[in-house]
């Protein structure tokens, strides 16, 4: 069976060919978000816990509610801001989408 090609000559990728890559990306994104959130909490509560004005248990309790609340209440606006700033207008070749070419950035 021949690989379908669009009008511009790009090979079309079957819809479920990258599911494992997508799931792996979700797992790594969640782990990265967890690490970033932990770092933010550590930076903000280190002085309070270090000085003894808050116990470690109290700081963790406050952090759970403030981190979750901030993500739920403000996450939509952050996503809209990033969506407005970072728009992709270039066509992505199928080789990059299918993992044949490794693209790294950061």
N, C-alpha and C. Protein backbone atom coordinates (compact mmCIF):
# COMPACT_ATOMS: atom_id res chain seq x y z
N UNK A 1 0.84 -1.18 0.00
CA UNK A 1 0.00 0.00 0.00
C UNK A 1 0.88 1.24 0.00
N UNK A 2 0.64 2.15 -0.90
CA UNK A 2 1.44 3.36 -1.03
C UNK A 2 1.06 4.37 0.05
N UNK A 3 2.03 5.13 0.49
CA UNK A 3 1.78 6.18 1.47
C UNK A 3 1.08 7.34 0.80
N UNK A 4 -0.05 7.82 1.36
CA UNK A 4 -0.75 8.93 0.74
C UNK A 4 0.08 10.22 0.78
N UNK A 5 -0.10 11.04 -0.24
CA UNK A 5 0.64 12.30 -0.36
C UNK A 5 -0.38 13.42 -0.55
N UNK A 6 -0.15 14.58 0.11
CA UNK A 6 -1.06 15.71 -0.08
C UNK A 6 -0.68 16.50 -1.32
N UNK A 7 -1.38 17.62 -1.57
CA UNK A 7 -1.19 18.40 -2.79
C UNK A 7 0.22 19.00 -2.88
N UNK A 8 0.84 19.27 -1.74
CA UNK A 8 2.17 19.88 -1.74
C UNK A 8 3.28 18.84 -1.86
N UNK A 9 2.94 17.57 -1.85
CA UNK A 9 3.94 16.53 -1.98
C UNK A 9 4.42 15.94 -0.67
N UNK A 10 3.82 16.33 0.46
CA UNK A 10 4.20 15.80 1.77
C UNK A 10 3.56 14.44 1.97
N UNK A 11 4.33 13.50 2.53
CA UNK A 11 3.75 12.20 2.88
C UNK A 11 2.85 12.39 4.09
N UNK A 12 1.67 11.81 4.06
CA UNK A 12 0.73 11.91 5.17
C UNK A 12 0.97 10.76 6.14
N UNK A 13 1.06 11.08 7.43
CA UNK A 13 1.33 10.09 8.47
C UNK A 13 0.00 9.47 8.90
N UNK A 14 -0.06 8.15 9.04
CA UNK A 14 -1.30 7.52 9.54
C UNK A 14 -1.65 8.08 10.92
N UNK A 15 -2.94 8.22 11.23
CA UNK A 15 -3.36 8.93 12.44
C UNK A 15 -2.83 8.37 13.76
N UNK A 16 -2.64 7.07 13.88
CA UNK A 16 -2.24 6.51 15.17
C UNK A 16 -0.80 5.99 15.16
N UNK A 17 0.02 6.46 14.25
CA UNK A 17 1.38 5.95 14.18
C UNK A 17 2.29 6.53 15.26
N UNK A 18 1.90 7.65 15.86
CA UNK A 18 2.76 8.28 16.86
C UNK A 18 2.14 8.28 18.25
N UNK A 19 1.24 7.36 18.52
CA UNK A 19 0.56 7.33 19.81
C UNK A 19 1.55 7.09 20.96
N UNK A 20 2.47 6.16 20.79
CA UNK A 20 3.43 5.87 21.86
C UNK A 20 4.32 7.08 22.13
N UNK A 21 4.72 7.77 21.08
CA UNK A 21 5.54 8.98 21.26
C UNK A 21 4.74 10.06 21.99
N UNK A 22 3.46 10.19 21.65
CA UNK A 22 2.61 11.17 22.32
C UNK A 22 2.45 10.86 23.80
N UNK A 23 2.21 9.60 24.14
CA UNK A 23 2.06 9.19 25.54
C UNK A 23 3.35 9.42 26.30
N UNK A 24 4.48 9.09 25.70
CA UNK A 24 5.77 9.34 26.36
C UNK A 24 5.97 10.84 26.59
N UNK A 25 5.58 11.65 25.63
CA UNK A 25 5.68 13.10 25.80
C UNK A 25 4.81 13.60 26.94
N UNK A 26 3.60 13.06 27.07
CA UNK A 26 2.73 13.45 28.18
C UNK A 26 3.35 13.09 29.53
N UNK A 27 3.94 11.91 29.62
CA UNK A 27 4.56 11.49 30.88
C UNK A 27 5.72 12.40 31.24
N UNK A 28 6.58 12.71 30.26
CA UNK A 28 7.71 13.59 30.54
C UNK A 28 7.25 15.02 30.85
N UNK A 29 6.19 15.49 30.19
CA UNK A 29 5.68 16.83 30.48
C UNK A 29 5.12 16.91 31.90
N UNK A 30 4.42 15.87 32.34
CA UNK A 30 3.89 15.85 33.70
C UNK A 30 5.03 15.83 34.72
N UNK A 31 6.05 15.04 34.46
CA UNK A 31 7.20 14.99 35.38
C UNK A 31 7.92 16.33 35.42
N UNK A 32 8.04 16.99 34.28
CA UNK A 32 8.68 18.30 34.23
C UNK A 32 7.86 19.33 35.00
N UNK A 33 6.54 19.32 34.83
CA UNK A 33 5.67 20.25 35.55
C UNK A 33 5.76 20.02 37.05
N UNK A 34 5.83 18.74 37.45
CA UNK A 34 5.97 18.42 38.87
C UNK A 34 7.27 18.98 39.42
N UNK A 35 8.35 18.82 38.67
CA UNK A 35 9.65 19.33 39.12
C UNK A 35 9.69 20.85 39.20
N UNK A 36 9.10 21.51 38.22
CA UNK A 36 9.07 22.98 38.23
C UNK A 36 8.25 23.48 39.41
N UNK A 37 7.09 22.85 39.65
CA UNK A 37 6.26 23.24 40.79
C UNK A 37 6.96 23.01 42.12
N UNK A 38 7.67 21.91 42.23
CA UNK A 38 8.41 21.63 43.47
C UNK A 38 9.49 22.67 43.70
N UNK A 39 10.16 23.07 42.65
CA UNK A 39 11.20 24.09 42.78
C UNK A 39 10.60 25.42 43.20
N UNK A 40 9.45 25.79 42.63
CA UNK A 40 8.81 27.05 43.02
C UNK A 40 8.39 27.04 44.48
N UNK A 41 7.84 25.91 44.92
CA UNK A 41 7.42 25.80 46.32
C UNK A 41 8.64 25.88 47.24
N UNK A 42 9.70 25.19 46.88
CA UNK A 42 10.90 25.22 47.73
C UNK A 42 11.46 26.63 47.83
N UNK A 43 11.47 27.36 46.73
CA UNK A 43 11.98 28.73 46.77
C UNK A 43 11.12 29.64 47.63
N UNK A 44 9.81 29.48 47.56
CA UNK A 44 8.94 30.40 48.28
C UNK A 44 8.82 30.08 49.77
N UNK A 45 8.93 28.82 50.16
CA UNK A 45 8.75 28.46 51.56
C UNK A 45 10.05 28.21 52.31
N UNK A 46 11.18 28.25 51.66
CA UNK A 46 12.45 27.95 52.33
C UNK A 46 12.73 28.90 53.48
N UNK A 47 12.50 30.17 53.29
CA UNK A 47 12.76 31.15 54.35
C UNK A 47 11.82 30.96 55.52
N UNK A 48 10.54 30.71 55.23
CA UNK A 48 9.55 30.54 56.31
C UNK A 48 9.84 29.30 57.15
N UNK A 49 10.17 28.21 56.49
CA UNK A 49 10.46 26.97 57.22
C UNK A 49 11.81 27.10 57.93
N UNK A 50 12.78 27.70 57.25
CA UNK A 50 14.11 27.86 57.84
C UNK A 50 14.11 28.73 59.09
N UNK A 51 13.27 29.76 59.10
CA UNK A 51 13.21 30.65 60.26
C UNK A 51 12.36 30.09 61.38
N UNK A 52 11.58 29.06 61.10
CA UNK A 52 10.76 28.44 62.12
C UNK A 52 9.37 29.04 62.22
N UNK A 53 9.02 29.98 61.35
CA UNK A 53 7.68 30.56 61.42
C UNK A 53 6.61 29.62 60.87
N UNK A 54 7.00 28.65 60.06
CA UNK A 54 6.10 27.60 59.57
C UNK A 54 6.79 26.26 59.75
N UNK A 55 6.01 25.26 60.11
CA UNK A 55 6.56 23.92 60.13
C UNK A 55 6.58 23.39 58.69
N UNK A 56 7.36 22.36 58.47
CA UNK A 56 7.42 21.76 57.13
C UNK A 56 6.06 21.21 56.73
N UNK A 57 5.34 20.62 57.66
CA UNK A 57 4.01 20.08 57.38
C UNK A 57 3.05 21.20 56.97
N UNK A 58 3.08 22.32 57.67
CA UNK A 58 2.20 23.45 57.34
C UNK A 58 2.55 24.03 55.97
N UNK A 59 3.84 24.16 55.69
CA UNK A 59 4.26 24.69 54.39
C UNK A 59 3.81 23.77 53.26
N UNK A 60 3.92 22.46 53.45
CA UNK A 60 3.46 21.51 52.42
C UNK A 60 1.95 21.60 52.24
N UNK A 61 1.22 21.74 53.33
CA UNK A 61 -0.24 21.87 53.24
C UNK A 61 -0.65 23.13 52.49
N UNK A 62 -0.03 24.23 52.78
CA UNK A 62 -0.32 25.49 52.07
C UNK A 62 0.05 25.35 50.60
N UNK A 63 1.19 24.74 50.34
CA UNK A 63 1.66 24.60 48.96
C UNK A 63 0.71 23.75 48.12
N UNK A 64 0.16 22.70 48.69
CA UNK A 64 -0.76 21.84 47.94
C UNK A 64 -1.95 22.65 47.45
N UNK A 65 -2.55 23.43 48.33
CA UNK A 65 -3.74 24.19 47.94
C UNK A 65 -3.41 25.36 47.02
N UNK A 66 -2.32 26.06 47.27
CA UNK A 66 -2.00 27.22 46.43
C UNK A 66 -1.53 26.80 45.04
N UNK A 67 -0.73 25.74 44.93
CA UNK A 67 -0.29 25.28 43.62
C UNK A 67 -1.46 24.75 42.80
N UNK A 68 -2.29 23.93 43.42
CA UNK A 68 -3.45 23.38 42.71
C UNK A 68 -4.43 24.49 42.34
N UNK A 69 -4.69 25.38 43.27
CA UNK A 69 -5.62 26.48 43.00
C UNK A 69 -5.11 27.40 41.89
N UNK A 70 -3.83 27.70 41.92
CA UNK A 70 -3.26 28.54 40.86
C UNK A 70 -3.34 27.89 39.50
N UNK A 71 -3.07 26.60 39.45
CA UNK A 71 -3.15 25.89 38.17
C UNK A 71 -4.58 25.84 37.66
N UNK A 72 -5.53 25.60 38.53
CA UNK A 72 -6.93 25.50 38.11
C UNK A 72 -7.52 26.87 37.76
N UNK A 73 -7.20 27.90 38.54
CA UNK A 73 -7.81 29.21 38.32
C UNK A 73 -7.11 30.03 37.24
N UNK A 74 -5.80 29.90 37.12
CA UNK A 74 -5.05 30.74 36.20
C UNK A 74 -4.46 30.00 35.01
N UNK A 75 -4.57 28.68 35.00
CA UNK A 75 -3.97 27.88 33.93
C UNK A 75 -4.52 28.22 32.56
N UNK A 76 -5.81 28.53 32.48
CA UNK A 76 -6.43 28.87 31.20
C UNK A 76 -5.84 30.15 30.62
N UNK A 77 -5.65 31.15 31.46
CA UNK A 77 -5.08 32.42 30.97
C UNK A 77 -3.63 32.26 30.55
N UNK A 78 -2.88 31.45 31.27
CA UNK A 78 -1.49 31.19 30.88
C UNK A 78 -1.44 30.50 29.52
N UNK A 79 -2.32 29.52 29.33
CA UNK A 79 -2.36 28.80 28.05
C UNK A 79 -2.73 29.74 26.91
N UNK A 80 -3.69 30.62 27.13
CA UNK A 80 -4.09 31.59 26.09
C UNK A 80 -2.94 32.54 25.77
N UNK A 81 -2.20 32.97 26.79
CA UNK A 81 -1.07 33.87 26.57
C UNK A 81 0.00 33.19 25.74
N UNK A 82 0.35 31.96 26.09
CA UNK A 82 1.38 31.23 25.35
C UNK A 82 0.91 30.95 23.93
N UNK A 83 -0.36 30.61 23.78
CA UNK A 83 -0.91 30.34 22.46
C UNK A 83 -0.83 31.58 21.58
N UNK A 84 -1.05 32.76 22.15
CA UNK A 84 -0.98 34.00 21.38
C UNK A 84 0.44 34.39 21.02
N UNK A 85 1.40 34.03 21.86
CA UNK A 85 2.79 34.42 21.63
C UNK A 85 3.49 33.44 20.70
N UNK A 86 3.30 32.15 20.94
CA UNK A 86 4.02 31.12 20.20
C UNK A 86 3.09 30.46 19.18
N UNK A 87 3.03 31.04 18.01
CA UNK A 87 2.23 30.43 16.95
C UNK A 87 3.16 29.84 15.91
N UNK A 88 2.81 28.70 15.39
CA UNK A 88 3.62 28.02 14.40
C UNK A 88 2.94 28.15 13.05
N UNK A 89 3.60 28.81 12.11
CA UNK A 89 3.01 28.99 10.79
C UNK A 89 3.72 28.16 9.73
N UNK A 90 4.83 27.56 10.08
CA UNK A 90 5.59 26.78 9.10
C UNK A 90 5.06 25.36 9.03
N UNK A 91 5.13 24.78 7.86
CA UNK A 91 4.74 23.38 7.70
C UNK A 91 5.85 22.50 8.26
N UNK A 92 5.47 21.47 8.98
CA UNK A 92 6.44 20.55 9.57
C UNK A 92 6.56 19.34 8.66
N UNK A 93 7.76 19.04 8.20
CA UNK A 93 7.92 17.87 7.34
C UNK A 93 7.56 16.58 8.08
N UNK A 94 7.11 15.59 7.36
CA UNK A 94 6.69 14.34 7.97
C UNK A 94 7.86 13.64 8.65
N UNK A 95 9.09 13.86 8.17
CA UNK A 95 10.24 13.22 8.81
C UNK A 95 10.38 13.72 10.25
N UNK A 96 10.16 15.02 10.49
CA UNK A 96 10.27 15.55 11.84
C UNK A 96 9.11 15.06 12.70
N UNK A 97 7.93 14.94 12.10
CA UNK A 97 6.76 14.49 12.86
C UNK A 97 6.83 13.01 13.20
N UNK A 98 7.49 12.22 12.38
CA UNK A 98 7.51 10.79 12.64
C UNK A 98 8.75 10.33 13.40
N UNK A 99 9.60 11.25 13.78
CA UNK A 99 10.74 10.89 14.60
C UNK A 99 11.96 10.45 13.83
N UNK A 100 11.93 10.55 12.51
CA UNK A 100 13.11 10.17 11.73
C UNK A 100 14.23 11.18 11.91
N UNK A 101 13.86 12.41 12.21
CA UNK A 101 14.86 13.45 12.47
C UNK A 101 14.66 13.91 13.92
N UNK A 102 15.69 13.90 14.71
CA UNK A 102 15.59 14.36 16.09
C UNK A 102 15.75 15.87 16.13
N UNK A 103 14.77 16.52 16.73
CA UNK A 103 14.82 17.97 16.84
C UNK A 103 14.92 18.29 18.32
N UNK A 104 15.93 19.04 18.70
CA UNK A 104 16.05 19.40 20.10
C UNK A 104 16.04 20.92 20.22
N UNK A 105 15.42 21.41 21.26
CA UNK A 105 15.38 22.83 21.50
C UNK A 105 15.14 23.10 22.96
N UNK A 106 15.67 24.13 23.44
CA UNK A 106 15.51 24.65 24.79
C UNK A 106 16.70 25.46 25.13
